[in-house]
């Protein structure tokens, strides 16, 4: 009996230490990638400002050919929501809502993941003019893992987890837009 109490005490102590450490771990993350596209800023922005186009260039939708997507509102306007549901664990379920447009060069969205974990993140796609027919496109994700899941930040590098997906999507976007009208 004393042995079981000692084991229980050790286990509870370890859990307490982990939870205390989690109090001091910053759960915020920010990941971004950039690509140049041989198209005007207006052409690129017109394309990315419609969430439905992400099905053509985003990598997450391509991971599940049977993904269920539902929409509400008018695409390309603030308040438009695209919801997804997938049985593929890497894709999960959630919704993305257009929250803001800035000067025809920046679109901000809120992404509300429901599965595999409930978390809300911000995504930004910004298009900058390089020259008349060349644009720089940056896709950025920002978020915060809630306590105690913020502890995962010690073991999971969000830049390495999300970065390849962002650059993959941007490369797909580049191929699509540079093949148009050529």
Protein backbone atom coordinates (compact mmCIF):
# COMPACT_ATOMS: atom_id res chain seq x y z
CA UNK A 1 0.00 0.00 0.00
CA UNK A 2 2.83 2.42 0.87
CA UNK A 3 4.45 1.65 -2.47
CA UNK A 4 1.23 2.56 -4.36
CA UNK A 5 0.94 5.81 -2.41
CA UNK A 6 4.54 6.69 -3.29
CA UNK A 7 3.90 5.94 -6.98
CA UNK A 8 0.72 8.03 -6.90
CA UNK A 9 2.58 10.89 -5.20
CA UNK A 10 5.36 10.78 -7.83
CA UNK A 11 2.83 10.75 -10.69
CA UNK A 12 0.84 13.64 -9.24
CA UNK A 13 4.07 15.56 -8.66
CA UNK A 14 5.09 15.05 -12.29
CA UNK A 15 1.70 16.23 -13.55
CA UNK A 16 1.90 19.28 -11.28
CA UNK A 17 5.39 20.13 -12.54
CA UNK A 18 4.28 19.84 -16.17
CA UNK A 19 1.26 22.09 -15.53
CA UNK A 20 3.41 24.64 -13.70
CA UNK A 21 5.95 24.69 -16.54
CA UNK A 22 3.06 25.26 -18.99
CA UNK A 23 2.22 28.48 -17.12
CA UNK A 24 5.51 29.96 -18.33
CA UNK A 25 5.48 28.76 -21.95
CA UNK A 26 4.36 31.27 -24.57
CA UNK A 27 1.72 29.62 -26.72
CA UNK A 28 1.79 32.26 -29.47
CA UNK A 29 3.02 31.37 -32.93
CA UNK A 30 3.45 33.12 -36.25
CA UNK A 31 4.41 31.41 -39.49
CA UNK A 32 4.73 33.06 -42.89
CA UNK A 33 6.02 32.30 -46.37
CA UNK A 34 6.43 34.51 -49.43
CA UNK A 35 6.59 33.93 -53.17
CA UNK A 36 6.88 36.20 -56.21
CA UNK A 37 4.25 35.87 -58.94
CA UNK A 38 4.52 37.25 -62.46
CA UNK A 39 1.14 38.99 -62.40
CA UNK A 40 -0.08 42.41 -61.35
CA UNK A 41 -1.09 43.07 -57.78
CA UNK A 42 -4.70 43.62 -58.87
CA UNK A 43 -4.85 40.26 -60.69
CA UNK A 44 -3.34 38.36 -57.76
CA UNK A 45 -5.50 40.08 -55.17
CA UNK A 46 -8.69 39.53 -57.14
CA UNK A 47 -7.91 35.81 -57.19
CA UNK A 48 -6.88 35.35 -53.54
CA UNK A 49 -9.75 37.50 -52.23
CA UNK A 50 -12.14 34.65 -53.03
CA UNK A 51 -11.88 31.84 -50.47
CA UNK A 52 -13.34 29.32 -52.91
CA UNK A 53 -10.11 29.62 -54.92
CA UNK A 54 -8.16 28.17 -51.99
CA UNK A 55 -9.57 24.79 -53.03
CA UNK A 56 -7.48 25.16 -56.19
CA UNK A 57 -4.19 26.19 -54.58
CA UNK A 58 -4.35 25.29 -50.88
CA UNK A 59 -2.71 22.02 -49.88
CA UNK A 60 -5.12 21.08 -47.09
CA UNK A 61 -8.11 20.64 -49.39
CA UNK A 62 -6.02 18.43 -51.69
CA UNK A 63 -5.21 16.02 -48.82
CA UNK A 64 -8.81 14.75 -48.89
CA UNK A 65 -10.61 14.35 -52.22
CA UNK A 66 -13.80 13.59 -50.26
CA UNK A 67 -13.71 16.74 -48.12
CA UNK A 68 -17.12 18.30 -47.50
CA UNK A 69 -17.16 22.08 -48.03
CA UNK A 70 -20.12 24.35 -47.28
CA UNK A 71 -20.25 28.10 -47.71
CA UNK A 72 -22.40 31.01 -46.61
CA UNK A 73 -22.46 34.60 -47.75
CA UNK A 74 -20.92 36.17 -50.83
CA UNK A 75 -17.38 35.04 -51.63
CA UNK A 76 -14.90 37.90 -51.82
CA UNK A 77 -16.72 39.95 -49.17
CA UNK A 78 -16.31 40.41 -45.43
CA UNK A 79 -18.40 37.84 -43.57
CA UNK A 80 -18.11 35.08 -46.16
CA UNK A 81 -17.60 31.70 -44.46
CA UNK A 82 -16.20 28.51 -45.92
CA UNK A 83 -16.63 25.45 -43.67
CA UNK A 84 -14.96 22.10 -44.13
CA UNK A 85 -15.31 18.63 -42.68
CA UNK A 86 -12.90 15.80 -43.39
CA UNK A 87 -12.28 12.35 -42.02
CA UNK A 88 -8.54 12.90 -42.68
CA UNK A 89 -6.97 13.79 -39.33
CA UNK A 90 -4.54 16.36 -40.80
CA UNK A 91 -7.48 18.25 -42.31
CA UNK A 92 -10.12 17.89 -39.58
CA UNK A 93 -13.08 20.24 -39.43
CA UNK A 94 -13.56 23.96 -39.06
CA UNK A 95 -14.44 27.17 -40.82
CA UNK A 96 -12.69 30.20 -42.26
CA UNK A 97 -14.31 33.64 -42.34
CA UNK A 98 -13.16 36.73 -44.25
CA UNK A 99 -12.84 39.43 -41.58
CA UNK A 100 -11.10 42.32 -43.31
CA UNK A 101 -9.75 43.72 -46.56
CA UNK A 102 -7.07 46.43 -46.60
CA UNK A 103 -6.50 48.66 -49.65
CA UNK A 104 -6.95 45.90 -52.23
CA UNK A 105 -3.71 44.33 -51.04
CA UNK A 106 -4.47 42.40 -47.86
CA UNK A 107 -7.12 39.89 -46.84
CA UNK A 108 -7.50 38.79 -43.23
CA UNK A 109 -9.45 35.74 -42.16
CA UNK A 110 -10.28 34.00 -38.93
CA UNK A 111 -9.90 30.24 -38.94
CA UNK A 112 -11.85 28.35 -36.33
CA UNK A 113 -10.63 24.76 -36.09
CA UNK A 114 -13.13 22.40 -34.51
CA UNK A 115 -11.34 19.09 -34.96
CA UNK A 116 -8.86 17.59 -34.14
CA UNK A 117 -8.51 20.44 -31.60
CA UNK A 118 -10.58 23.56 -30.98
CA UNK A 119 -8.42 26.60 -31.67
CA UNK A 120 -8.85 29.92 -33.44
CA UNK A 121 -6.13 31.41 -35.64
CA UNK A 122 -5.72 34.39 -37.91
CA UNK A 123 -4.60 34.04 -41.51
CA UNK A 124 -3.40 36.92 -43.66
CA UNK A 125 -2.59 36.99 -47.35
CA UNK A 126 -0.85 40.16 -48.44
CA UNK A 127 0.03 41.16 -52.00
CA UNK A 128 2.69 43.80 -52.63
CA UNK A 129 3.74 45.41 -55.89
CA UNK A 130 7.25 44.52 -57.05
CA UNK A 131 6.77 45.95 -60.55
CA UNK A 132 3.86 46.47 -62.93
CA UNK A 133 3.54 42.75 -63.64
CA UNK A 134 5.24 41.19 -60.61
CA UNK A 135 3.81 40.81 -57.13
CA UNK A 136 5.05 39.47 -53.83
CA UNK A 137 2.52 37.32 -51.98
CA UNK A 138 2.91 36.54 -48.28
CA UNK A 139 0.69 34.01 -46.52
CA UNK A 140 0.82 34.19 -42.74
CA UNK A 141 -0.78 32.25 -39.88
CA UNK A 142 -0.88 33.61 -36.35
CA UNK A 143 -2.38 31.96 -33.32
CA UNK A 144 -2.04 30.89 -29.76
CA UNK A 145 -2.23 27.41 -28.32
CA UNK A 146 -4.32 27.59 -25.14
CA UNK A 147 -3.09 26.39 -21.75
CA UNK A 148 -2.04 23.59 -21.18
CA UNK A 149 -1.64 22.79 -24.90
CA UNK A 150 0.85 25.68 -25.12
CA UNK A 151 3.32 23.20 -23.63
CA UNK A 152 3.42 21.54 -27.06
CA UNK A 153 5.36 24.59 -28.22
CA UNK A 154 8.40 23.12 -26.48
CA UNK A 155 8.21 20.03 -28.68
CA UNK A 156 6.42 21.11 -31.88
CA UNK A 157 7.96 23.72 -34.17
CA UNK A 158 4.96 25.44 -35.78
CA UNK A 159 7.19 26.94 -38.47
CA UNK A 160 8.26 23.46 -39.55
CA UNK A 161 4.70 22.13 -39.24
CA UNK A 162 2.88 24.89 -41.17
CA UNK A 163 5.66 26.35 -43.32
CA UNK A 164 5.75 23.56 -45.92
CA UNK A 165 1.97 23.75 -46.35
CA UNK A 166 2.06 27.53 -46.80
CA UNK A 167 4.86 27.43 -49.36
CA UNK A 168 3.17 24.52 -51.13
CA UNK A 169 -0.03 26.55 -51.44
CA UNK A 170 1.88 29.62 -52.63
CA UNK A 171 3.71 27.56 -55.26
CA UNK A 172 0.35 26.20 -56.47
CA UNK A 173 -1.00 29.77 -56.58
CA UNK A 174 2.03 30.88 -58.61
CA UNK A 175 1.52 28.06 -61.14
CA UNK A 176 -2.19 28.86 -61.52
CA UNK A 177 -1.78 32.61 -61.89
CA UNK A 178 1.29 32.54 -64.12
CA UNK A 179 -0.36 30.08 -66.49
CA UNK A 180 -3.38 32.36 -66.95
CA UNK A 181 -3.36 34.59 -70.04
CA UNK A 182 0.04 33.28 -71.21
